[in-house]
Amino acid sequence: MATALIGGAFLSAFLQVLFDRMASREVVDFFRSRKLGKGRLLQKLEVALLSANAVLDDAEEKQMTNDSVRKWLDELKDAVYDADDLFDEIAAEDLEREAGFEPRALACKVCSFASDACASGLGDKLEKVLERLESVVKQREVLGLREGIRERTPRALPTTSLVEESGVFGREKDREAVIGLLLSDRGEKNTSVMAIVGMGGVGKTTLSQLVFNDRKKFLLLLDDVWNEDSNIWNAFLVPFSYGARGSKIIVTTRNEGVALVARAFSTYYLQKLQDKECWDLFAQHAFEEHNFEARMRLEDIGQRIVKRCDGLPLALKTIGSLLRYESDIRKWEIIAESDIWDLAPGKNEILPALLLSYHYLPPQLKQCFAYCSIFPKDCRYEKDQLILLWIAEGLIKQPKDSRTLEEVGDQCFCDLVSRSLLHRVSNVESSFWMHELVNDLARYVAGRSFIAWTESIPTRCPQALAICHL
């Protein structure tokens, strides 16, 4: 489901960037100077891309139930990437010419501009790219894709014991209950296990952090465990059998079978937040602290959105952050009535609120977010390093104002943080992490555009992963 929904959304974001490249000086000059039909090919390429872009909204919905549409989007993405590669070659020749070198493929200076294009092969490549793209676009009619369907608006992470308790709502009773279970156990073993079970995004990790920071005896926390192999569990628990009596291990998991395999003496099933707690958490992220006017005006529709979040803290924080700087009630209505809420989570439990948060990101921010898919789930993002990687990959475009690329990248990074897609690591100023469900979303978004390589890569060295870009 998640792949189906956001594949087209990522392509739409990429097309917006591609349209900007088509209007760049080097591309326009290339077509003009080489007399390639006086820009005819460029115009035809633009028409084909616009035609494809017009039906992406419909395509990303229909591919959820139609494999042919999904394959069409994959073919379209490949054709669009071919066009982008062509523009890279044009930009490279332009740089050579500005530096005083003849284009690589020229044999002599007497060649005309027209033969220049033929010799370099760019003219032929352009014809092939256009032919392939037009062939793919024609299939939209056979698939019945329509234009203008929907309005658009612009390995497990090592868990730290530190948590900002002022941002936690509705878990006081849960903390007391878990601590009570831990202290009430009088098992024969020196070390025993209890489990906290709940669905993704419900707050298992946060609850375990609250319990961990409470004063008591030795406690080991294993966060987000999936392994159900009893042999592995038995081998793992051997060293802990020699711990002092009363020592405890807490396991958080979405899978009840893990609790059984770990032979937990007690299992605590973490429930969703209550209505008032949901609203308080959502309001904390959706409204400026002193903007009471906006809160009163938007509260009714905000309550409808909160109900859609189904009591999940991660969903409430993410969708609240999305709406924080949006005061137009019509935009709130669009999000409240979106069909995305009605989609069932896929096998990786991508939450509808996360899909919506991505869906309404600006095009450039979508690509920067998708790029984060190359990092493993146990990776910490160093702000400056990630911005430089975005720039190196061409994801950050030179602004029309006086800002530098680094300043634009810094704004993109801050936007991801403000939308709760990246989180600061405790009180470390420049280090950030991504919730595992958000990381799953980034990988779905990227699809075949990026590949993650996690073997033998230091988690604090994201620059080592830059080579994984396809």
Protein backbone atom coordinates (compact mmCIF):
# COMPACT_ATOMS: atom_id res chain seq x y z
CA MET A 1 0.00 0.00 0.00
CA ALA A 2 2.66 2.50 1.04
CA THR A 3 4.78 1.87 -2.04
CA ALA A 4 1.75 2.33 -4.25
CA LEU A 5 0.75 5.58 -2.69
CA ILE A 6 4.04 7.42 -2.64
CA GLY A 7 5.78 6.14 -5.75
CA GLY A 8 3.97 8.68 -7.89
CA ALA A 9 4.40 11.38 -5.27
CA PHE A 10 8.18 11.00 -5.38
CA LEU A 11 8.15 11.07 -9.18
CA SER A 12 6.03 14.22 -9.12
CA ALA A 13 8.61 15.90 -6.90
CA PHE A 14 11.41 14.81 -9.23
CA LEU A 15 9.56 16.17 -12.27
CA GLN A 16 9.32 19.61 -10.66
CA VAL A 17 13.09 19.63 -10.30
CA LEU A 18 13.48 18.41 -13.89
CA PHE A 19 11.32 21.26 -15.22
CA ASP A 20 13.67 23.69 -13.50
CA ARG A 21 16.65 22.05 -15.18
CA MET A 22 14.98 22.29 -18.59
CA ALA A 23 14.66 26.05 -18.10
CA SER A 24 18.30 26.46 -17.07
CA ARG A 25 20.66 28.55 -19.17
CA GLU A 26 22.95 25.72 -20.25
CA VAL A 27 20.07 23.53 -21.49
CA VAL A 28 18.30 26.34 -23.35
CA ASP A 29 21.58 27.49 -24.93
CA PHE A 30 22.37 23.96 -26.01
CA PHE A 31 19.16 23.61 -27.96
CA ARG A 32 19.36 27.07 -29.47
CA SER A 33 22.99 26.96 -30.55
CA ARG A 34 22.85 23.52 -32.10
CA LYS A 35 19.83 24.26 -34.26
CA LEU A 36 18.02 21.17 -33.05
CA GLY A 37 14.75 22.00 -34.75
CA LYS A 38 14.88 25.47 -33.16
CA GLY A 39 13.95 24.04 -29.80
CA ARG A 40 11.38 21.64 -31.27
CA LEU A 41 12.80 18.66 -29.40
CA LEU A 42 12.91 20.57 -26.14
CA GLN A 43 9.30 21.61 -26.57
CA LYS A 44 8.23 18.05 -27.35
CA LEU A 45 10.11 16.80 -24.31
CA GLU A 46 8.41 19.37 -22.11
CA VAL A 47 4.97 18.47 -23.50
CA ALA A 48 5.56 14.76 -22.82
CA LEU A 49 6.68 15.43 -19.25
CA LEU A 50 3.72 17.74 -18.59
CA SER A 51 1.36 15.11 -19.97
CA ALA A 52 2.81 12.51 -17.62
CA ASN A 53 2.78 14.85 -14.65
CA ALA A 54 -0.89 15.66 -15.18
CA VAL A 55 -2.01 12.10 -14.41
CA LEU A 56 0.37 11.24 -11.57
CA ASP A 57 -2.26 11.93 -8.89
CA ASP A 58 -4.62 9.42 -10.49
CA ALA A 59 -1.82 6.93 -11.15
CA GLU A 60 -0.56 6.88 -7.57
CA GLU A 61 -4.06 6.02 -6.38
CA LYS A 62 -4.89 3.39 -9.03
CA GLN A 63 -1.62 1.50 -8.75
CA MET A 64 -2.71 0.33 -5.31
CA THR A 65 -5.11 -2.07 -7.01
CA ASN A 66 -3.76 -2.16 -10.57
CA ASP A 67 -0.37 -3.76 -11.22
CA SER A 68 -0.32 -2.40 -14.78
CA VAL A 69 -0.43 1.16 -13.48
CA ARG A 70 2.34 0.38 -11.04
CA LYS A 71 4.53 -0.98 -13.84
CA TRP A 72 3.72 2.11 -15.89
CA LEU A 73 5.02 4.34 -13.12
CA ASP A 74 8.24 2.32 -12.93
CA GLU A 75 8.75 2.68 -16.69
CA LEU A 76 7.99 6.38 -16.52
CA LYS A 77 10.50 6.86 -13.71
CA ASP A 78 13.22 5.13 -15.77
CA ALA A 79 12.46 7.32 -18.80
CA VAL A 80 12.53 10.49 -16.69
CA TYR A 81 15.88 9.50 -15.18
CA ASP A 82 17.25 9.08 -18.71
CA ALA A 83 16.23 12.66 -19.45
CA ASP A 84 17.91 13.86 -16.26
CA ASP A 85 21.13 12.03 -17.21
CA LEU A 86 21.02 13.77 -20.58
CA PHE A 87 20.81 17.17 -18.90
CA ASP A 88 23.83 16.20 -16.78
CA GLU A 89 25.83 15.61 -19.97
CA ILE A 90 24.71 18.93 -21.40
CA ALA A 91 25.79 20.69 -18.21
CA ALA A 92 29.17 18.92 -18.34
CA GLU A 93 29.84 20.07 -21.91
CA ASP A 94 28.85 23.59 -20.96
CA LEU A 95 31.38 23.59 -18.14
CA GLU A 96 34.11 22.36 -20.49
CA ARG A 97 33.33 25.06 -22.98
CA GLU A 98 33.41 27.78 -20.32
CA ALA A 99 36.76 26.47 -19.14
CA GLY A 100 38.19 26.93 -22.66
CA PHE A 101 38.18 23.27 -23.74
CA GLU A 102 36.61 21.92 -26.89
CA PRO A 103 33.77 19.44 -26.28
CA ARG A 104 35.07 15.93 -25.73
CA ALA A 105 33.73 14.45 -28.94
CA LEU A 106 34.91 17.16 -31.36
CA ALA A 107 37.68 16.10 -33.74
CA CYS A 108 38.48 19.54 -35.14
CA LYS A 109 37.54 23.20 -34.78
CA VAL A 110 35.98 23.49 -38.22
CA CYS A 111 32.97 21.39 -37.27
CA SER A 112 29.67 23.24 -37.32
CA PHE A 113 27.34 23.47 -34.34
CA ALA A 114 25.10 20.90 -35.96
CA SER A 115 27.93 18.41 -36.43
CA ASP A 116 29.00 19.19 -32.88
CA ALA A 117 25.67 17.84 -31.65
CA CYS A 118 25.94 14.75 -33.84
CA ALA A 119 29.56 14.10 -32.90
CA SER A 120 28.92 14.36 -29.19
CA GLY A 121 25.98 12.02 -29.55
CA LEU A 122 23.73 14.21 -27.44
CA GLY A 123 21.36 14.87 -30.32
CA ASP A 124 20.89 11.15 -30.92
CA LYS A 125 20.47 10.49 -27.21
CA LEU A 126 17.84 13.18 -26.99
CA GLU A 127 15.85 11.59 -29.82
CA LYS A 128 15.95 8.22 -28.06
CA VAL A 129 14.96 9.69 -24.69
CA LEU A 130 12.06 11.55 -26.27
CA GLU A 131 10.92 8.48 -28.22
CA ARG A 132 10.91 6.33 -25.10
CA LEU A 133 9.16 8.95 -23.01
CA GLU A 134 6.45 9.54 -25.60
CA SER A 135 5.87 5.80 -25.88
CA VAL A 136 5.37 5.52 -22.12
CA VAL A 137 3.12 8.57 -21.94
CA LYS A 138 0.83 7.23 -24.68
CA GLN A 139 0.00 4.27 -22.45
CA ARG A 140 -1.82 6.60 -20.04
CA GLU A 141 -4.85 6.49 -22.33
CA VAL A 142 -4.95 2.70 -22.40
CA LEU A 143 -4.73 2.63 -18.61
CA GLY A 144 -7.53 5.17 -18.29
CA LEU A 145 -5.51 7.66 -16.24
CA ARG A 146 -7.22 11.01 -15.71
CA GLU A 147 -5.89 14.51 -15.09
CA GLY A 148 -6.35 16.72 -12.04
CA ILE A 149 -7.79 14.16 -9.63
CA ARG A 150 -6.66 15.73 -6.36
CA GLU A 151 -5.55 19.13 -5.14
CA ARG A 152 -2.01 19.36 -3.82
CA THR A 153 -0.51 21.79 -1.37
CA PRO A 154 2.68 23.26 -1.70
CA ARG A 155 18.78 -2.26 12.12
CA ALA A 156 16.80 -1.00 15.20
CA LEU A 157 17.98 2.36 16.50
CA PRO A 158 19.97 2.10 19.73
CA THR A 159 17.60 3.66 22.23
CA THR A 160 18.90 6.38 24.53
CA SER A 161 17.58 6.47 28.08
CA LEU A 162 17.04 10.23 27.83
CA VAL A 163 13.55 11.52 27.07
CA GLU A 164 11.92 14.94 27.21
CA GLU A 165 9.18 14.19 29.75
CA SER A 166 7.38 17.51 29.23
CA GLY A 167 6.46 16.33 25.73
CA VAL A 168 4.92 13.04 26.94
CA PHE A 169 1.15 12.89 27.49
CA GLY A 170 -1.04 10.25 29.08
CA ARG A 171 1.63 7.73 30.15
CA GLU A 172 1.86 8.37 33.91
CA LYS A 173 -0.42 5.42 34.78
CA ASP A 174 1.38 3.20 32.27
CA ARG A 175 4.73 4.00 33.86
CA GLU A 176 3.41 3.22 37.32
CA ALA A 177 1.86 -0.03 36.08
CA VAL A 178 5.09 -1.25 34.45
CA ILE A 179 7.20 -0.31 37.46
CA GLY A 180 4.68 -2.12 39.66
CA LEU A 181 4.98 -5.26 37.54
CA LEU A 182 8.77 -5.10 37.66
CA LEU A 183 8.88 -4.77 41.44
CA SER A 184 6.18 -7.37 42.09
CA ASP A 185 8.02 -10.20 40.36
CA ARG A 186 9.48 -12.71 42.81
CA GLY A 187 10.60 -15.29 40.29
CA GLU A 188 13.18 -17.95 41.05
CA LYS A 189 15.60 -16.71 38.40
CA ASN A 190 18.11 -14.01 39.21
CA THR A 191 17.22 -12.13 36.04
CA SER A 192 13.74 -12.12 34.50
CA VAL A 193 12.12 -10.60 31.44
CA MET A 194 8.95 -8.58 30.99
CA ALA A 195 7.51 -7.36 27.71
CA ILE A 196 5.77 -4.19 26.55
CA VAL A 197 3.66 -5.01 23.51
CA GLY A 198 1.95 -2.52 21.23
CA MET A 199 1.56 -1.43 17.62
CA GLY A 200 4.03 0.81 15.83
CA GLY A 201 3.92 4.45 16.90
CA VAL A 202 1.92 3.84 20.08
CA GLY A 203 4.82 4.87 22.35
CA LYS A 204 6.52 1.66 23.55
CA THR A 205 10.00 3.17 23.37
CA THR A 206 8.95 6.36 25.18
CA LEU A 207 7.29 4.37 27.96
CA SER A 208 10.35 2.18 28.38
CA GLN A 209 12.51 5.33 28.63
CA LEU A 210 10.28 6.70 31.38
CA VAL A 211 10.55 3.41 33.29
CA PHE A 212 14.30 3.17 32.72
CA ASN A 213 14.92 6.60 34.26
CA ASP A 214 12.99 5.72 37.40
CA ARG A 215 15.28 4.83 40.44
CA LYS A 216 15.54 1.04 40.92
CA LYS A 217 17.80 -1.94 40.50
CA PHE A 218 19.75 -3.14 37.45
CA LEU A 219 17.64 -2.89 34.30
CA LEU A 220 18.44 -3.86 30.69
CA LEU A 221 16.22 -2.49 27.93
CA LEU A 222 15.90 -4.25 24.54
CA ASP A 223 13.91 -1.97 22.27
CA ASP A 224 11.84 -3.04 19.25
CA VAL A 225 12.68 -6.75 19.22
CA TRP A 226 11.44 -9.05 16.44
CA ASN A 227 13.44 -12.27 16.90
CA GLU A 228 11.31 -15.35 17.69
CA ASP A 229 14.12 -17.94 17.58
CA SER A 230 14.18 -19.61 21.02
CA ASN A 231 17.74 -20.90 20.50
CA ILE A 232 19.04 -17.38 19.96
CA TRP A 233 17.13 -16.13 22.99
CA ASN A 234 18.47 -18.91 25.22
CA ALA A 235 22.05 -18.19 24.19
CA PHE A 236 21.54 -14.46 24.68
CA LEU A 237 20.13 -14.80 28.20
CA VAL A 238 22.90 -17.05 29.57
CA PRO A 239 25.23 -14.23 30.76
CA PHE A 240 22.35 -12.43 32.48
CA SER A 241 21.44 -15.46 34.58
CA TYR A 242 24.38 -14.57 36.83
CA GLY A 243 23.11 -11.07 37.57
CA ALA A 244 22.04 -10.00 41.03
CA ARG A 245 18.61 -11.18 42.16
CA GLY A 246 15.94 -8.69 41.16
CA SER A 247 17.63 -7.57 37.95
CA LYS A 248 15.20 -7.12 35.08
CA ILE A 249 15.10 -7.01 31.31
CA ILE A 250 12.42 -5.06 29.46
CA VAL A 251 11.63 -6.01 25.87
CA THR A 252 9.51 -3.76 23.67
CA THR A 253 7.97 -5.37 20.60
CA ARG A 254 5.07 -5.26 18.19
CA ASN A 255 5.01 -9.06 18.11
CA GLU A 256 3.40 -10.92 21.01
CA GLY A 257 5.30 -14.05 19.99
CA VAL A 258 8.56 -12.38 21.06
CA ALA A 259 7.25 -12.11 24.63
CA LEU A 260 6.48 -15.83 24.63
CA VAL A 261 9.89 -16.84 23.30
CA ALA A 262 11.63 -14.57 25.81
CA ARG A 263 9.62 -16.27 28.58
CA ALA A 264 8.50 -12.92 29.95
CA PHE A 265 7.14 -13.19 33.51
CA SER A 266 4.70 -10.43 32.63
CA THR A 267 3.47 -8.70 29.47
CA TYR A 268 2.14 -5.16 29.46
CA TYR A 269 -0.08 -4.26 26.52
CA LEU A 270 0.32 -0.57 25.78
CA GLN A 271 -2.91 1.04 24.65
CA LYS A 272 -3.57 4.14 22.57
CA LEU A 273 -3.94 7.60 24.11
CA GLN A 274 -7.29 8.85 25.37
CA ASP A 275 -9.13 11.68 23.60
CA LYS A 276 -7.97 14.53 25.84
CA GLU A 277 -4.38 13.33 25.80
CA CYS A 278 -4.52 13.06 22.01
CA TRP A 279 -5.72 16.64 21.67
CA ASP A 280 -3.11 18.00 24.10
CA LEU A 281 -0.28 16.28 22.22
CA PHE A 282 -1.58 17.35 18.81
CA ALA A 283 -2.14 20.96 19.94
CA GLN A 284 1.39 21.17 21.34
CA HIS A 285 2.77 20.52 17.86
CA ALA A 286 0.08 22.15 15.69
CA PHE A 287 -0.22 25.57 17.31
CA GLU A 288 2.19 28.29 18.29
CA GLU A 289 2.29 28.63 22.05
CA HIS A 290 0.55 32.03 22.20
CA ASN A 291 -1.55 31.86 19.03
CA PHE A 292 -4.88 31.40 20.79
CA GLU A 293 -6.87 32.88 17.89
CA ALA A 294 -5.75 30.15 15.45
CA ARG A 295 -6.34 27.45 18.04
CA MET A 296 -9.94 28.54 18.62
CA ARG A 297 -10.68 28.97 14.91
CA LEU A 298 -9.23 25.61 13.90
CA GLU A 299 -10.13 23.51 16.94
CA ASP A 300 -13.24 21.85 15.46
CA ILE A 301 -11.50 20.59 12.36
CA GLY A 302 -8.42 19.82 14.44
CA GLN A 303 -10.50 17.50 16.59
CA ARG A 304 -11.58 15.63 13.44
CA ILE A 305 -7.96 15.22 12.40
CA VAL A 306 -7.03 14.01 15.88
CA LYS A 307 -9.66 11.25 15.68
CA ARG A 308 -8.11 10.16 12.39
CA CYS A 309 -4.77 9.67 14.17
CA ASP A 310 -6.38 6.84 16.15
CA GLY A 311 -4.64 7.55 19.44
CA LEU A 312 -1.07 7.04 18.16
CA PRO A 313 1.46 9.57 19.55
CA LEU A 314 3.76 9.36 16.52
CA ALA A 315 0.86 10.12 14.18
CA LEU A 316 -0.34 13.02 16.34
CA LYS A 317 3.10 14.62 16.53
CA THR A 318 3.79 14.22 12.82
CA ILE A 319 0.48 15.53 11.51
CA GLY A 320 0.50 18.31 14.10
CA SER A 321 3.94 19.39 12.92
CA LEU A 322 2.72 19.34 9.32
CA LEU A 323 -0.06 21.80 10.15
CA ARG A 324 1.91 24.03 12.52
CA TYR A 325 2.57 26.79 10.00
CA GLU A 326 -0.63 26.37 7.99
CA SER A 327 -3.48 28.65 9.08
CA ASP A 328 -5.72 28.24 6.00
CA ILE A 329 -8.78 26.30 7.15
CA ARG A 330 -9.27 24.97 3.60
CA LYS A 331 -5.87 23.22 3.77
CA TRP A 332 -6.85 21.67 7.10
CA GLU A 333 -10.09 20.47 5.48
CA ILE A 334 -8.17 18.85 2.61
CA ILE A 335 -6.01 16.90 5.06
CA ALA A 336 -8.95 15.96 7.28
CA GLU A 337 -10.91 14.55 4.31
CA SER A 338 -7.99 12.88 2.52
CA ASP A 339 -8.57 9.32 1.30
CA ILE A 340 -5.15 8.41 2.64
CA TRP A 341 -6.61 8.08 6.14
CA ASP A 342 -8.73 5.15 4.96
CA LEU A 343 -5.80 3.10 3.67
CA ALA A 344 -4.82 0.11 5.77
CA PRO A 345 -1.15 0.07 6.92
CA GLY A 346 1.11 -2.17 4.88
CA LYS A 347 3.37 -4.90 6.18
CA ASN A 348 5.81 -2.34 7.57
CA GLU A 349 3.00 -0.45 9.30
CA ILE A 350 3.46 2.84 7.48
CA LEU A 351 0.98 5.13 9.23
CA PRO A 352 -1.46 7.21 7.16
CA ALA A 353 -0.33 10.30 9.09
CA LEU A 354 3.25 9.72 7.92
CA LEU A 355 2.09 9.28 4.34
CA LEU A 356 0.20 12.57 4.54
CA SER A 357 3.18 14.34 6.06
CA TYR A 358 5.35 13.22 3.15
CA HIS A 359 2.64 13.81 0.56
CA TYR A 360 2.47 17.52 1.32
CA LEU A 361 6.20 18.22 1.47
CA PRO A 362 7.58 20.67 -1.13
CA PRO A 363 9.29 18.90 -4.08
CA GLN A 364 12.86 19.67 -3.02
CA LEU A 365 12.17 18.54 0.53
CA LYS A 366 10.69 15.26 -0.73
CA GLN A 367 13.96 14.43 -2.48
CA CYS A 368 16.08 15.37 0.53
CA PHE A 369 13.90 13.18 2.73
CA ALA A 370 14.05 10.26 0.30
CA TYR A 371 17.85 10.49 0.22
CA CYS A 372 17.89 9.62 3.94
CA SER A 373 16.81 6.10 2.94
CA ILE A 374 20.43 5.16 2.22
CA PHE A 375 21.25 5.30 5.92
CA PRO A 376 20.58 2.34 8.23
CA LYS A 377 18.07 2.56 11.04
CA ASP A 378 20.82 2.79 13.65
CA CYS A 379 22.36 5.84 12.00
CA ARG A 380 22.69 9.24 13.60
CA TYR A 381 22.57 12.15 11.20
CA GLU A 382 25.24 14.81 11.52
CA LYS A 383 23.55 17.95 10.23
CA ASP A 384 26.43 19.55 8.32
CA GLN A 385 27.51 16.26 6.72
CA LEU A 386 24.01 15.46 5.48
CA ILE A 387 23.59 18.93 3.98
CA LEU A 388 26.88 18.54 2.08
CA LEU A 389 25.72 15.16 0.75
CA TRP A 390 22.46 16.72 -0.47
CA ILE A 391 24.45 19.39 -2.27
CA ALA A 392 26.85 16.85 -3.78
CA GLU A 393 23.91 14.84 -5.13
CA GLY A 394 22.38 17.93 -6.73
CA LEU A 395 19.30 17.83 -4.49
CA ILE A 396 19.84 21.41 -3.31
CA LYS A 397 19.37 23.95 -6.11
CA GLN A 398 20.93 27.39 -6.29
CA PRO A 399 18.31 29.85 -5.00
CA LYS A 400 17.30 32.99 -6.84
CA ASP A 401 18.08 35.12 -3.80
CA SER A 402 21.47 35.71 -2.18
CA ARG A 403 21.48 32.58 -0.03
CA THR A 404 24.22 29.98 -0.42
CA LEU A 405 23.57 26.29 -1.12
CA GLU A 406 24.55 25.51 2.46
CA GLU A 407 21.96 27.97 3.77
CA VAL A 408 19.25 26.42 1.58
CA GLY A 409 20.26 22.96 2.79
CA ASP A 410 20.15 24.15 6.38
CA GLN A 411 16.58 25.36 5.83
CA CYS A 412 15.60 21.97 4.33
CA PHE A 413 17.09 20.20 7.32
CA CYS A 414 15.26 22.46 9.77
CA ASP A 415 12.01 21.87 7.84
CA LEU A 416 12.36 18.10 8.28
CA VAL A 417 12.97 18.59 12.00
CA SER A 418 10.00 20.96 12.35
CA ARG A 419 7.78 18.33 10.69
CA SER A 420 8.93 15.67 13.20
CA LEU A 421 10.59 13.61 10.46
CA LEU A 422 13.98 14.08 12.14
CA HIS A 423 14.57 14.28 15.90
CA ARG A 424 17.46 15.71 17.90
CA VAL A 425 19.53 13.15 19.80
CA SER A 426 18.99 14.15 23.42
CA ASN A 427 20.67 17.54 23.90
CA VAL A 428 23.34 17.11 21.22
CA GLU A 429 23.12 20.19 19.01
CA SER A 430 24.16 18.70 15.65
CA SER A 431 23.18 15.03 15.92
CA PHE A 432 19.75 13.74 14.84
CA TRP A 433 17.91 10.45 14.36
CA MET A 434 14.88 9.16 12.48
CA HIS A 435 12.07 7.04 13.92
CA GLU A 436 12.14 3.54 12.46
CA LEU A 437 8.68 3.93 10.91
CA VAL A 438 9.79 7.19 9.28
CA ASN A 439 12.88 5.39 8.00
CA ASP A 440 10.61 2.73 6.48
CA LEU A 441 8.68 5.53 4.79
CA ALA A 442 11.89 7.02 3.36
CA ARG A 443 12.83 3.67 1.86
CA TYR A 444 9.40 3.28 0.29
CA VAL A 445 9.63 6.79 -1.08
CA ALA A 446 13.02 6.20 -2.65
CA GLY A 447 12.04 2.90 -4.28
CA ARG A 448 14.74 2.00 -6.78
CA SER A 449 16.23 5.51 -6.76
CA PHE A 450 18.55 4.81 -3.84
CA ILE A 451 19.93 1.67 -2.26
CA ALA A 452 20.88 1.27 1.39
CA TRP A 453 24.14 -0.49 2.21
CA THR A 454 24.33 -1.26 5.92
CA GLU A 455 27.03 -3.90 6.25
CA SER A 456 30.20 -2.79 8.07
CA ILE A 457 29.30 0.90 7.87
CA PRO A 458 29.95 3.03 10.98
CA THR A 459 26.65 4.52 12.07
CA ARG A 460 28.19 7.94 12.60
CA CYS A 461 29.78 8.14 9.15
CA PRO A 462 26.99 8.98 6.66
CA GLN A 463 29.56 10.23 4.15
CA ALA A 464 30.67 6.62 3.68
CA LEU A 465 27.22 5.79 2.38
CA ALA A 466 27.14 8.44 -0.34
CA ILE A 467 28.55 5.92 -2.81
CA CYS A 468 25.31 3.99 -2.56
CA HIS A 469 23.41 6.49 -4.69
CA LEU A 470 22.34 4.79 -7.94
